[in-house]
N, C-alpha and C. Protein backbone atom coordinates (compact mmCIF):
# COMPACT_ATOMS: atom_id res chain seq x y z
N MET A 1 -110.39 -147.02 -110.11
CA MET A 1 -108.96 -146.90 -110.36
C MET A 1 -108.55 -145.45 -110.11
N PRO A 2 -107.58 -145.20 -109.23
CA PRO A 2 -107.14 -143.82 -108.99
C PRO A 2 -106.37 -143.28 -110.19
N LEU A 3 -106.52 -141.98 -110.42
CA LEU A 3 -105.83 -141.34 -111.54
C LEU A 3 -104.35 -141.19 -111.23
N SER A 4 -103.52 -141.34 -112.24
CA SER A 4 -102.09 -141.15 -112.10
C SER A 4 -101.79 -139.66 -111.93
N PRO A 5 -100.59 -139.33 -111.43
CA PRO A 5 -100.28 -137.93 -111.15
C PRO A 5 -100.18 -137.04 -112.39
N THR A 6 -99.90 -137.58 -113.57
CA THR A 6 -99.82 -136.76 -114.77
C THR A 6 -100.68 -137.38 -115.85
N TRP A 7 -101.04 -136.57 -116.85
CA TRP A 7 -101.83 -137.09 -117.97
C TRP A 7 -101.02 -138.11 -118.75
N ARG A 8 -99.73 -137.90 -118.86
CA ARG A 8 -98.87 -138.87 -119.54
C ARG A 8 -98.92 -140.22 -118.83
N ASP A 9 -98.81 -140.19 -117.50
CA ASP A 9 -98.91 -141.43 -116.72
C ASP A 9 -100.28 -142.06 -116.90
N ARG A 10 -101.31 -141.23 -116.99
CA ARG A 10 -102.67 -141.75 -117.18
C ARG A 10 -102.78 -142.47 -118.52
N PHE A 11 -102.15 -141.91 -119.56
CA PHE A 11 -102.16 -142.58 -120.86
C PHE A 11 -101.43 -143.93 -120.76
N VAL A 12 -100.29 -143.97 -120.09
CA VAL A 12 -99.53 -145.21 -119.93
C VAL A 12 -100.39 -146.24 -119.19
N ASP A 13 -101.07 -145.81 -118.12
CA ASP A 13 -101.96 -146.71 -117.37
C ASP A 13 -103.09 -147.22 -118.26
N LEU A 14 -103.68 -146.32 -119.04
CA LEU A 14 -104.78 -146.69 -119.92
C LEU A 14 -104.33 -147.69 -120.99
N ALA A 15 -103.17 -147.45 -121.58
CA ALA A 15 -102.64 -148.37 -122.59
C ALA A 15 -102.40 -149.75 -121.99
N ALA A 16 -101.85 -149.79 -120.77
CA ALA A 16 -101.60 -151.06 -120.10
C ALA A 16 -102.92 -151.78 -119.80
N GLU A 17 -103.91 -151.02 -119.31
CA GLU A 17 -105.22 -151.59 -119.00
C GLU A 17 -105.88 -152.15 -120.26
N LEU A 18 -105.78 -151.42 -121.36
CA LEU A 18 -106.36 -151.87 -122.62
C LEU A 18 -105.70 -153.17 -123.09
N CYS A 19 -104.38 -153.22 -123.02
CA CYS A 19 -103.67 -154.43 -123.45
C CYS A 19 -104.01 -155.62 -122.56
N ARG A 20 -104.11 -155.39 -121.26
CA ARG A 20 -104.50 -156.48 -120.34
C ARG A 20 -105.90 -156.98 -120.68
N ALA A 21 -106.83 -156.06 -120.96
CA ALA A 21 -108.20 -156.45 -121.30
C ALA A 21 -108.25 -157.29 -122.57
N ARG A 22 -107.29 -157.06 -123.46
CA ARG A 22 -107.23 -157.80 -124.73
C ARG A 22 -106.34 -159.04 -124.63
N GLY A 23 -105.73 -159.27 -123.46
CA GLY A 23 -104.85 -160.42 -123.29
C GLY A 23 -103.52 -160.27 -124.00
N GLU A 24 -103.08 -159.02 -124.19
CA GLU A 24 -101.83 -158.74 -124.91
C GLU A 24 -100.78 -158.22 -123.93
N ALA A 25 -99.53 -158.29 -124.36
CA ALA A 25 -98.44 -157.75 -123.55
C ALA A 25 -98.57 -156.23 -123.45
N GLU A 26 -98.22 -155.70 -122.28
CA GLU A 26 -98.28 -154.25 -122.10
C GLU A 26 -97.22 -153.58 -122.96
N PRO A 27 -97.56 -152.41 -123.51
CA PRO A 27 -96.62 -151.72 -124.40
C PRO A 27 -95.44 -151.13 -123.63
N ILE A 28 -94.36 -150.93 -124.34
CA ILE A 28 -93.18 -150.27 -123.78
C ILE A 28 -93.25 -148.81 -124.22
N HIS A 29 -93.06 -147.90 -123.27
CA HIS A 29 -93.18 -146.47 -123.58
C HIS A 29 -91.84 -145.77 -123.45
N HIS A 30 -91.75 -144.63 -124.12
CA HIS A 30 -90.54 -143.81 -124.10
C HIS A 30 -90.35 -143.19 -122.73
N ALA A 31 -89.11 -143.16 -122.27
CA ALA A 31 -88.80 -142.50 -121.00
C ALA A 31 -88.76 -140.98 -121.18
N ASP A 32 -88.50 -140.53 -122.40
CA ASP A 32 -88.39 -139.10 -122.68
C ASP A 32 -89.77 -138.45 -122.60
N ALA A 33 -89.98 -137.60 -121.60
CA ALA A 33 -91.29 -136.96 -121.39
C ALA A 33 -91.66 -136.00 -122.49
N HIS A 34 -90.70 -135.65 -123.35
CA HIS A 34 -90.98 -134.70 -124.43
C HIS A 34 -91.27 -135.41 -125.75
N GLN A 35 -91.38 -136.72 -125.71
CA GLN A 35 -91.68 -137.48 -126.92
C GLN A 35 -93.12 -138.00 -126.83
N ALA A 36 -93.87 -137.81 -127.90
CA ALA A 36 -95.26 -138.28 -127.93
C ALA A 36 -95.30 -139.79 -127.79
N LEU A 37 -96.40 -140.29 -127.21
CA LEU A 37 -96.60 -141.73 -127.04
C LEU A 37 -97.62 -142.22 -128.04
N GLN A 38 -97.45 -143.46 -128.47
CA GLN A 38 -98.38 -144.05 -129.45
C GLN A 38 -98.62 -145.51 -129.10
N LEU A 39 -99.87 -145.91 -129.17
CA LEU A 39 -100.26 -147.30 -129.02
C LEU A 39 -100.99 -147.69 -130.29
N SER A 40 -100.51 -148.72 -130.99
CA SER A 40 -101.16 -149.19 -132.22
C SER A 40 -101.81 -150.54 -131.95
N LEU A 41 -103.03 -150.71 -132.44
CA LEU A 41 -103.73 -151.97 -132.26
C LEU A 41 -104.78 -152.14 -133.34
N TRP A 42 -105.22 -153.38 -133.50
CA TRP A 42 -106.27 -153.70 -134.46
C TRP A 42 -107.55 -153.97 -133.69
N VAL A 43 -108.65 -153.37 -134.13
CA VAL A 43 -109.96 -153.60 -133.54
C VAL A 43 -110.94 -153.83 -134.67
N ASP A 44 -111.59 -154.98 -134.66
CA ASP A 44 -112.60 -155.32 -135.67
C ASP A 44 -112.09 -155.12 -137.09
N GLY A 45 -110.86 -155.55 -137.35
CA GLY A 45 -110.30 -155.50 -138.69
C GLY A 45 -109.77 -154.14 -139.11
N MET A 46 -109.71 -153.18 -138.19
CA MET A 46 -109.21 -151.85 -138.53
C MET A 46 -108.04 -151.50 -137.63
N ARG A 47 -107.01 -150.90 -138.24
CA ARG A 47 -105.85 -150.47 -137.46
C ARG A 47 -106.14 -149.11 -136.83
N PHE A 48 -105.81 -149.01 -135.55
CA PHE A 48 -105.96 -147.76 -134.81
C PHE A 48 -104.63 -147.38 -134.18
N ASP A 49 -104.42 -146.08 -134.07
CA ASP A 49 -103.33 -145.52 -133.29
C ASP A 49 -103.96 -144.64 -132.23
N ALA A 50 -103.56 -144.84 -130.97
CA ALA A 50 -103.94 -143.93 -129.89
C ALA A 50 -102.69 -143.11 -129.60
N LEU A 51 -102.80 -141.80 -129.73
CA LEU A 51 -101.64 -140.91 -129.62
C LEU A 51 -101.81 -139.96 -128.45
N HIS A 52 -100.73 -139.80 -127.69
CA HIS A 52 -100.71 -138.80 -126.62
C HIS A 52 -99.57 -137.83 -126.92
N PRO A 53 -99.85 -136.53 -126.87
CA PRO A 53 -98.81 -135.54 -127.21
C PRO A 53 -97.70 -135.54 -126.16
N ASP A 54 -96.64 -134.83 -126.47
CA ASP A 54 -95.58 -134.73 -125.46
C ASP A 54 -96.09 -133.94 -124.27
N ILE A 55 -95.38 -134.02 -123.19
CA ILE A 55 -95.83 -133.47 -121.91
C ILE A 55 -96.02 -131.96 -121.93
N ASP A 56 -95.36 -131.26 -122.82
CA ASP A 56 -95.48 -129.80 -122.88
C ASP A 56 -96.73 -129.34 -123.62
N ASP A 57 -97.43 -130.24 -124.27
CA ASP A 57 -98.60 -129.88 -125.05
C ASP A 57 -99.74 -129.45 -124.12
N GLU A 58 -100.44 -128.40 -124.49
CA GLU A 58 -101.53 -127.88 -123.67
C GLU A 58 -102.74 -128.83 -123.62
N THR A 59 -102.81 -129.78 -124.55
CA THR A 59 -103.94 -130.69 -124.61
C THR A 59 -103.57 -132.05 -124.01
N GLY A 60 -102.73 -132.06 -123.00
CA GLY A 60 -102.25 -133.31 -122.41
C GLY A 60 -103.32 -134.17 -121.80
N ASP A 61 -104.49 -133.60 -121.52
CA ASP A 61 -105.57 -134.39 -120.94
C ASP A 61 -106.38 -135.12 -122.01
N ARG A 62 -105.96 -135.03 -123.26
CA ARG A 62 -106.70 -135.64 -124.36
C ARG A 62 -105.78 -136.56 -125.17
N ILE A 63 -106.41 -137.55 -125.78
CA ILE A 63 -105.69 -138.41 -126.73
C ILE A 63 -106.36 -138.28 -128.08
N VAL A 64 -105.62 -138.64 -129.11
CA VAL A 64 -106.17 -138.68 -130.46
C VAL A 64 -106.27 -140.15 -130.86
N LEU A 65 -107.45 -140.55 -131.28
CA LEU A 65 -107.65 -141.89 -131.82
C LEU A 65 -107.69 -141.78 -133.32
N GLN A 66 -106.88 -142.56 -134.01
CA GLN A 66 -106.84 -142.53 -135.46
C GLN A 66 -107.18 -143.90 -136.01
N GLY A 67 -108.28 -143.97 -136.75
CA GLY A 67 -108.66 -145.18 -137.48
C GLY A 67 -108.12 -145.06 -138.88
N ARG A 68 -107.30 -146.01 -139.29
CA ARG A 68 -106.63 -145.93 -140.59
C ARG A 68 -107.43 -146.74 -141.61
N LEU A 69 -108.00 -146.03 -142.59
CA LEU A 69 -108.81 -146.68 -143.62
C LEU A 69 -107.97 -147.21 -144.76
N GLY A 70 -106.70 -146.86 -144.82
CA GLY A 70 -105.82 -147.35 -145.86
C GLY A 70 -105.87 -146.50 -147.11
N PRO A 71 -105.16 -146.93 -148.14
CA PRO A 71 -105.14 -146.19 -149.40
C PRO A 71 -106.54 -146.14 -150.01
N LEU A 72 -106.80 -145.07 -150.74
CA LEU A 72 -108.07 -144.97 -151.44
C LEU A 72 -108.08 -145.94 -152.61
N PRO A 73 -109.20 -146.59 -152.86
CA PRO A 73 -109.27 -147.55 -153.95
C PRO A 73 -109.23 -146.85 -155.31
N GLY A 74 -108.54 -147.47 -156.24
CA GLY A 74 -108.53 -147.05 -157.65
C GLY A 74 -109.00 -145.65 -157.96
N THR A 75 -109.64 -145.51 -159.09
CA THR A 75 -110.19 -144.23 -159.52
C THR A 75 -111.69 -144.42 -159.75
N PRO A 76 -112.50 -143.45 -159.76
CA PRO A 76 -112.18 -142.05 -159.51
C PRO A 76 -112.14 -141.74 -158.02
N GLN A 77 -111.08 -141.09 -157.60
CA GLN A 77 -110.94 -140.74 -156.19
C GLN A 77 -111.70 -139.48 -155.83
N ASP A 78 -112.06 -138.66 -156.82
CA ASP A 78 -112.78 -137.42 -156.52
C ASP A 78 -114.06 -137.69 -155.73
N ALA A 79 -114.78 -138.74 -156.06
CA ALA A 79 -116.02 -139.05 -155.36
C ALA A 79 -115.72 -139.41 -153.89
N LEU A 80 -114.62 -140.10 -153.65
CA LEU A 80 -114.26 -140.47 -152.28
C LEU A 80 -113.83 -139.25 -151.47
N TRP A 81 -113.09 -138.36 -152.10
CA TRP A 81 -112.71 -137.12 -151.42
C TRP A 81 -113.93 -136.32 -151.05
N ARG A 82 -114.87 -136.21 -151.99
CA ARG A 82 -116.09 -135.46 -151.72
C ARG A 82 -116.87 -136.10 -150.58
N ALA A 83 -116.95 -137.43 -150.57
CA ALA A 83 -117.68 -138.12 -149.51
C ALA A 83 -117.02 -137.89 -148.15
N ALA A 84 -115.69 -137.94 -148.10
CA ALA A 84 -114.98 -137.71 -146.84
C ALA A 84 -115.17 -136.28 -146.36
N LEU A 85 -115.07 -135.33 -147.28
CA LEU A 85 -115.24 -133.93 -146.90
C LEU A 85 -116.68 -133.63 -146.49
N ALA A 86 -117.65 -134.23 -147.16
CA ALA A 86 -119.05 -134.05 -146.78
C ALA A 86 -119.29 -134.64 -145.38
N ALA A 87 -118.70 -135.79 -145.12
CA ALA A 87 -118.82 -136.40 -143.79
C ALA A 87 -118.20 -135.50 -142.73
N ASN A 88 -117.11 -134.81 -143.07
CA ASN A 88 -116.46 -133.92 -142.11
C ASN A 88 -117.39 -132.82 -141.63
N LEU A 89 -118.26 -132.31 -142.50
CA LEU A 89 -119.19 -131.27 -142.09
C LEU A 89 -120.06 -131.73 -140.93
N ALA A 90 -120.66 -132.89 -141.07
CA ALA A 90 -121.53 -133.42 -140.01
C ALA A 90 -120.71 -133.79 -138.78
N LEU A 91 -119.55 -134.38 -138.98
CA LEU A 91 -118.72 -134.78 -137.85
C LEU A 91 -118.24 -133.58 -137.04
N CYS A 92 -117.89 -132.50 -137.72
CA CYS A 92 -117.43 -131.29 -137.03
C CYS A 92 -118.56 -130.69 -136.21
N ARG A 93 -119.77 -130.69 -136.74
CA ARG A 93 -120.91 -130.16 -136.00
C ARG A 93 -121.14 -130.95 -134.71
N GLN A 94 -120.89 -132.24 -134.78
CA GLN A 94 -121.08 -133.11 -133.61
C GLN A 94 -119.82 -133.20 -132.75
N GLN A 95 -118.74 -132.58 -133.19
CA GLN A 95 -117.43 -132.68 -132.55
C GLN A 95 -117.05 -134.14 -132.35
N ALA A 96 -117.34 -134.96 -133.36
CA ALA A 96 -117.12 -136.39 -133.28
C ALA A 96 -115.79 -136.84 -133.88
N GLY A 97 -115.14 -136.00 -134.67
CA GLY A 97 -113.90 -136.39 -135.33
C GLY A 97 -113.88 -135.84 -136.74
N ALA A 98 -112.88 -136.24 -137.50
CA ALA A 98 -112.76 -135.75 -138.87
C ALA A 98 -111.89 -136.70 -139.69
N PHE A 99 -112.12 -136.68 -140.99
CA PHE A 99 -111.27 -137.42 -141.92
C PHE A 99 -110.07 -136.55 -142.29
N GLY A 100 -108.96 -137.19 -142.56
CA GLY A 100 -107.76 -136.48 -143.00
C GLY A 100 -106.92 -137.39 -143.88
N TRP A 101 -105.89 -136.83 -144.45
CA TRP A 101 -105.01 -137.56 -145.36
C TRP A 101 -103.63 -137.64 -144.73
N ASP A 102 -103.12 -138.84 -144.53
CA ASP A 102 -101.77 -139.04 -144.02
C ASP A 102 -100.85 -139.15 -145.23
N GLU A 103 -100.17 -138.04 -145.54
CA GLU A 103 -99.33 -137.98 -146.74
C GLU A 103 -98.19 -138.97 -146.70
N SER A 104 -97.62 -139.20 -145.52
CA SER A 104 -96.46 -140.09 -145.42
C SER A 104 -96.83 -141.53 -145.76
N ARG A 105 -98.07 -141.92 -145.50
CA ARG A 105 -98.51 -143.30 -145.79
C ARG A 105 -99.50 -143.36 -146.95
N GLU A 106 -99.87 -142.19 -147.46
CA GLU A 106 -100.85 -142.10 -148.53
C GLU A 106 -102.11 -142.90 -148.22
N GLU A 107 -102.71 -142.56 -147.06
CA GLU A 107 -103.94 -143.24 -146.68
C GLU A 107 -104.89 -142.29 -145.97
N LEU A 108 -106.16 -142.63 -146.08
CA LEU A 108 -107.21 -141.88 -145.43
C LEU A 108 -107.25 -142.28 -143.96
N VAL A 109 -107.40 -141.29 -143.07
CA VAL A 109 -107.39 -141.52 -141.63
C VAL A 109 -108.58 -140.79 -141.02
N PHE A 110 -109.23 -141.43 -140.08
CA PHE A 110 -110.26 -140.77 -139.29
C PHE A 110 -109.67 -140.50 -137.91
N SER A 111 -109.75 -139.26 -137.43
CA SER A 111 -109.19 -138.89 -136.13
C SER A 111 -110.29 -138.35 -135.23
N ALA A 112 -110.22 -138.72 -133.96
CA ALA A 112 -111.17 -138.23 -132.96
C ALA A 112 -110.42 -138.02 -131.65
N HIS A 113 -110.79 -136.97 -130.92
CA HIS A 113 -110.20 -136.70 -129.61
C HIS A 113 -111.05 -137.32 -128.52
N ARG A 114 -110.41 -137.80 -127.48
CA ARG A 114 -111.10 -138.31 -126.30
C ARG A 114 -110.38 -137.79 -125.06
N SER A 115 -111.14 -137.59 -124.00
CA SER A 115 -110.58 -137.13 -122.73
C SER A 115 -110.04 -138.31 -121.94
N LEU A 116 -108.87 -138.14 -121.36
CA LEU A 116 -108.28 -139.18 -120.52
C LEU A 116 -108.91 -139.21 -119.13
N GLY A 117 -109.52 -138.11 -118.72
CA GLY A 117 -110.01 -137.97 -117.36
C GLY A 117 -111.04 -138.99 -116.95
N ASP A 118 -111.91 -139.37 -117.86
CA ASP A 118 -112.99 -140.28 -117.49
C ASP A 118 -112.97 -141.56 -118.32
N MET A 119 -111.83 -141.92 -118.84
CA MET A 119 -111.74 -143.09 -119.71
C MET A 119 -111.05 -144.25 -119.01
N ASP A 120 -111.53 -145.45 -119.29
CA ASP A 120 -110.84 -146.65 -118.84
C ASP A 120 -110.65 -147.57 -120.05
N GLY A 121 -109.91 -148.65 -119.87
CA GLY A 121 -109.59 -149.54 -120.99
C GLY A 121 -110.82 -150.12 -121.66
N THR A 122 -111.81 -150.50 -120.87
CA THR A 122 -113.05 -151.07 -121.42
C THR A 122 -113.79 -150.03 -122.26
N GLY A 123 -113.87 -148.81 -121.74
CA GLY A 123 -114.54 -147.74 -122.48
C GLY A 123 -113.82 -147.39 -123.76
N LEU A 124 -112.49 -147.36 -123.70
CA LEU A 124 -111.71 -147.07 -124.91
C LEU A 124 -111.91 -148.15 -125.95
N LEU A 125 -111.89 -149.40 -125.53
CA LEU A 125 -112.10 -150.51 -126.47
C LEU A 125 -113.49 -150.43 -127.09
N ARG A 126 -114.49 -150.05 -126.30
CA ARG A 126 -115.86 -149.88 -126.82
C ARG A 126 -115.90 -148.74 -127.84
N ASP A 127 -115.25 -147.61 -127.52
CA ASP A 127 -115.18 -146.48 -128.46
C ASP A 127 -114.51 -146.89 -129.77
N LEU A 128 -113.41 -147.62 -129.68
CA LEU A 128 -112.71 -148.06 -130.88
C LEU A 128 -113.58 -149.00 -131.71
N GLY A 129 -114.32 -149.88 -131.05
CA GLY A 129 -115.24 -150.77 -131.76
C GLY A 129 -116.33 -150.01 -132.47
N ASP A 130 -116.88 -148.97 -131.80
CA ASP A 130 -117.91 -148.13 -132.42
C ASP A 130 -117.35 -147.39 -133.64
N ILE A 131 -116.17 -146.82 -133.49
CA ILE A 131 -115.54 -146.12 -134.61
C ILE A 131 -115.27 -147.09 -135.75
N ALA A 132 -114.75 -148.27 -135.43
CA ALA A 132 -114.46 -149.28 -136.47
C ALA A 132 -115.72 -149.66 -137.23
N ALA A 133 -116.84 -149.81 -136.52
CA ALA A 133 -118.10 -150.17 -137.19
C ALA A 133 -118.55 -149.07 -138.14
N HIS A 134 -118.47 -147.82 -137.69
CA HIS A 134 -118.86 -146.71 -138.57
C HIS A 134 -117.93 -146.59 -139.77
N LEU A 135 -116.64 -146.75 -139.54
CA LEU A 135 -115.68 -146.63 -140.64
C LEU A 135 -115.78 -147.79 -141.61
N ALA A 136 -116.10 -148.97 -141.11
CA ALA A 136 -116.27 -150.13 -142.01
C ALA A 136 -117.43 -149.88 -142.96
N GLY A 137 -118.52 -149.31 -142.45
CA GLY A 137 -119.65 -148.97 -143.31
C GLY A 137 -119.27 -147.90 -144.31
N TRP A 138 -118.53 -146.90 -143.86
CA TRP A 138 -118.11 -145.83 -144.77
C TRP A 138 -117.16 -146.39 -145.82
N ARG A 139 -116.23 -147.25 -145.41
CA ARG A 139 -115.26 -147.83 -146.35
C ARG A 139 -115.97 -148.68 -147.39
N GLN A 140 -116.94 -149.48 -146.94
CA GLN A 140 -117.68 -150.33 -147.86
C GLN A 140 -118.43 -149.48 -148.89
N ALA A 141 -119.10 -148.45 -148.44
CA ALA A 141 -119.86 -147.57 -149.34
C ALA A 141 -118.93 -146.84 -150.30
N SER A 142 -117.79 -146.39 -149.80
CA SER A 142 -116.86 -145.64 -150.65
C SER A 142 -116.20 -146.55 -151.68
N HIS A 143 -115.91 -147.78 -151.30
CA HIS A 143 -115.31 -148.71 -152.27
C HIS A 143 -116.32 -149.09 -153.35
N ALA A 144 -117.59 -149.23 -152.94
CA ALA A 144 -118.63 -149.57 -153.92
C ALA A 144 -118.83 -148.41 -154.89
N SER A 145 -118.74 -147.17 -154.39
CA SER A 145 -118.97 -146.03 -155.29
C SER A 145 -117.80 -145.81 -156.25
N SER A 146 -116.63 -146.37 -155.94
CA SER A 146 -115.49 -146.18 -156.83
C SER A 146 -115.39 -147.28 -157.87
N ALA A 147 -116.21 -148.30 -157.71
CA ALA A 147 -116.14 -149.44 -158.66
C ALA A 147 -116.83 -149.12 -159.96
């Protein structure tokens, strides 16, 4: 597949390819080149957002994948925060991603960057499945430790 002329176009092509691979309708994107693009989808029971910055962003060749783990279970949440922060140490060393807190939705989110240059819809879907599997294990362990 030939690369599109801009990274933004490449993200649009990738989102369309991913939706076709899943048998879903292609997403509608903003015409405004200065508005970030977002594709939301569910993979293996986990909600993901694939985000592309606006065209002026210096990191236009990269996307952010966010796996949304949802609200933290009951109390005590301190143990879950510690587990997420401890995981961040190893993840940062591997440049694999990081946990964060989405204040607007009050939920734990895992974010990872991926390059658009060598990605296709099948590869992205495989990456999302791998992330979902790791996060499902982490979510299960964290929920058990809070019980």
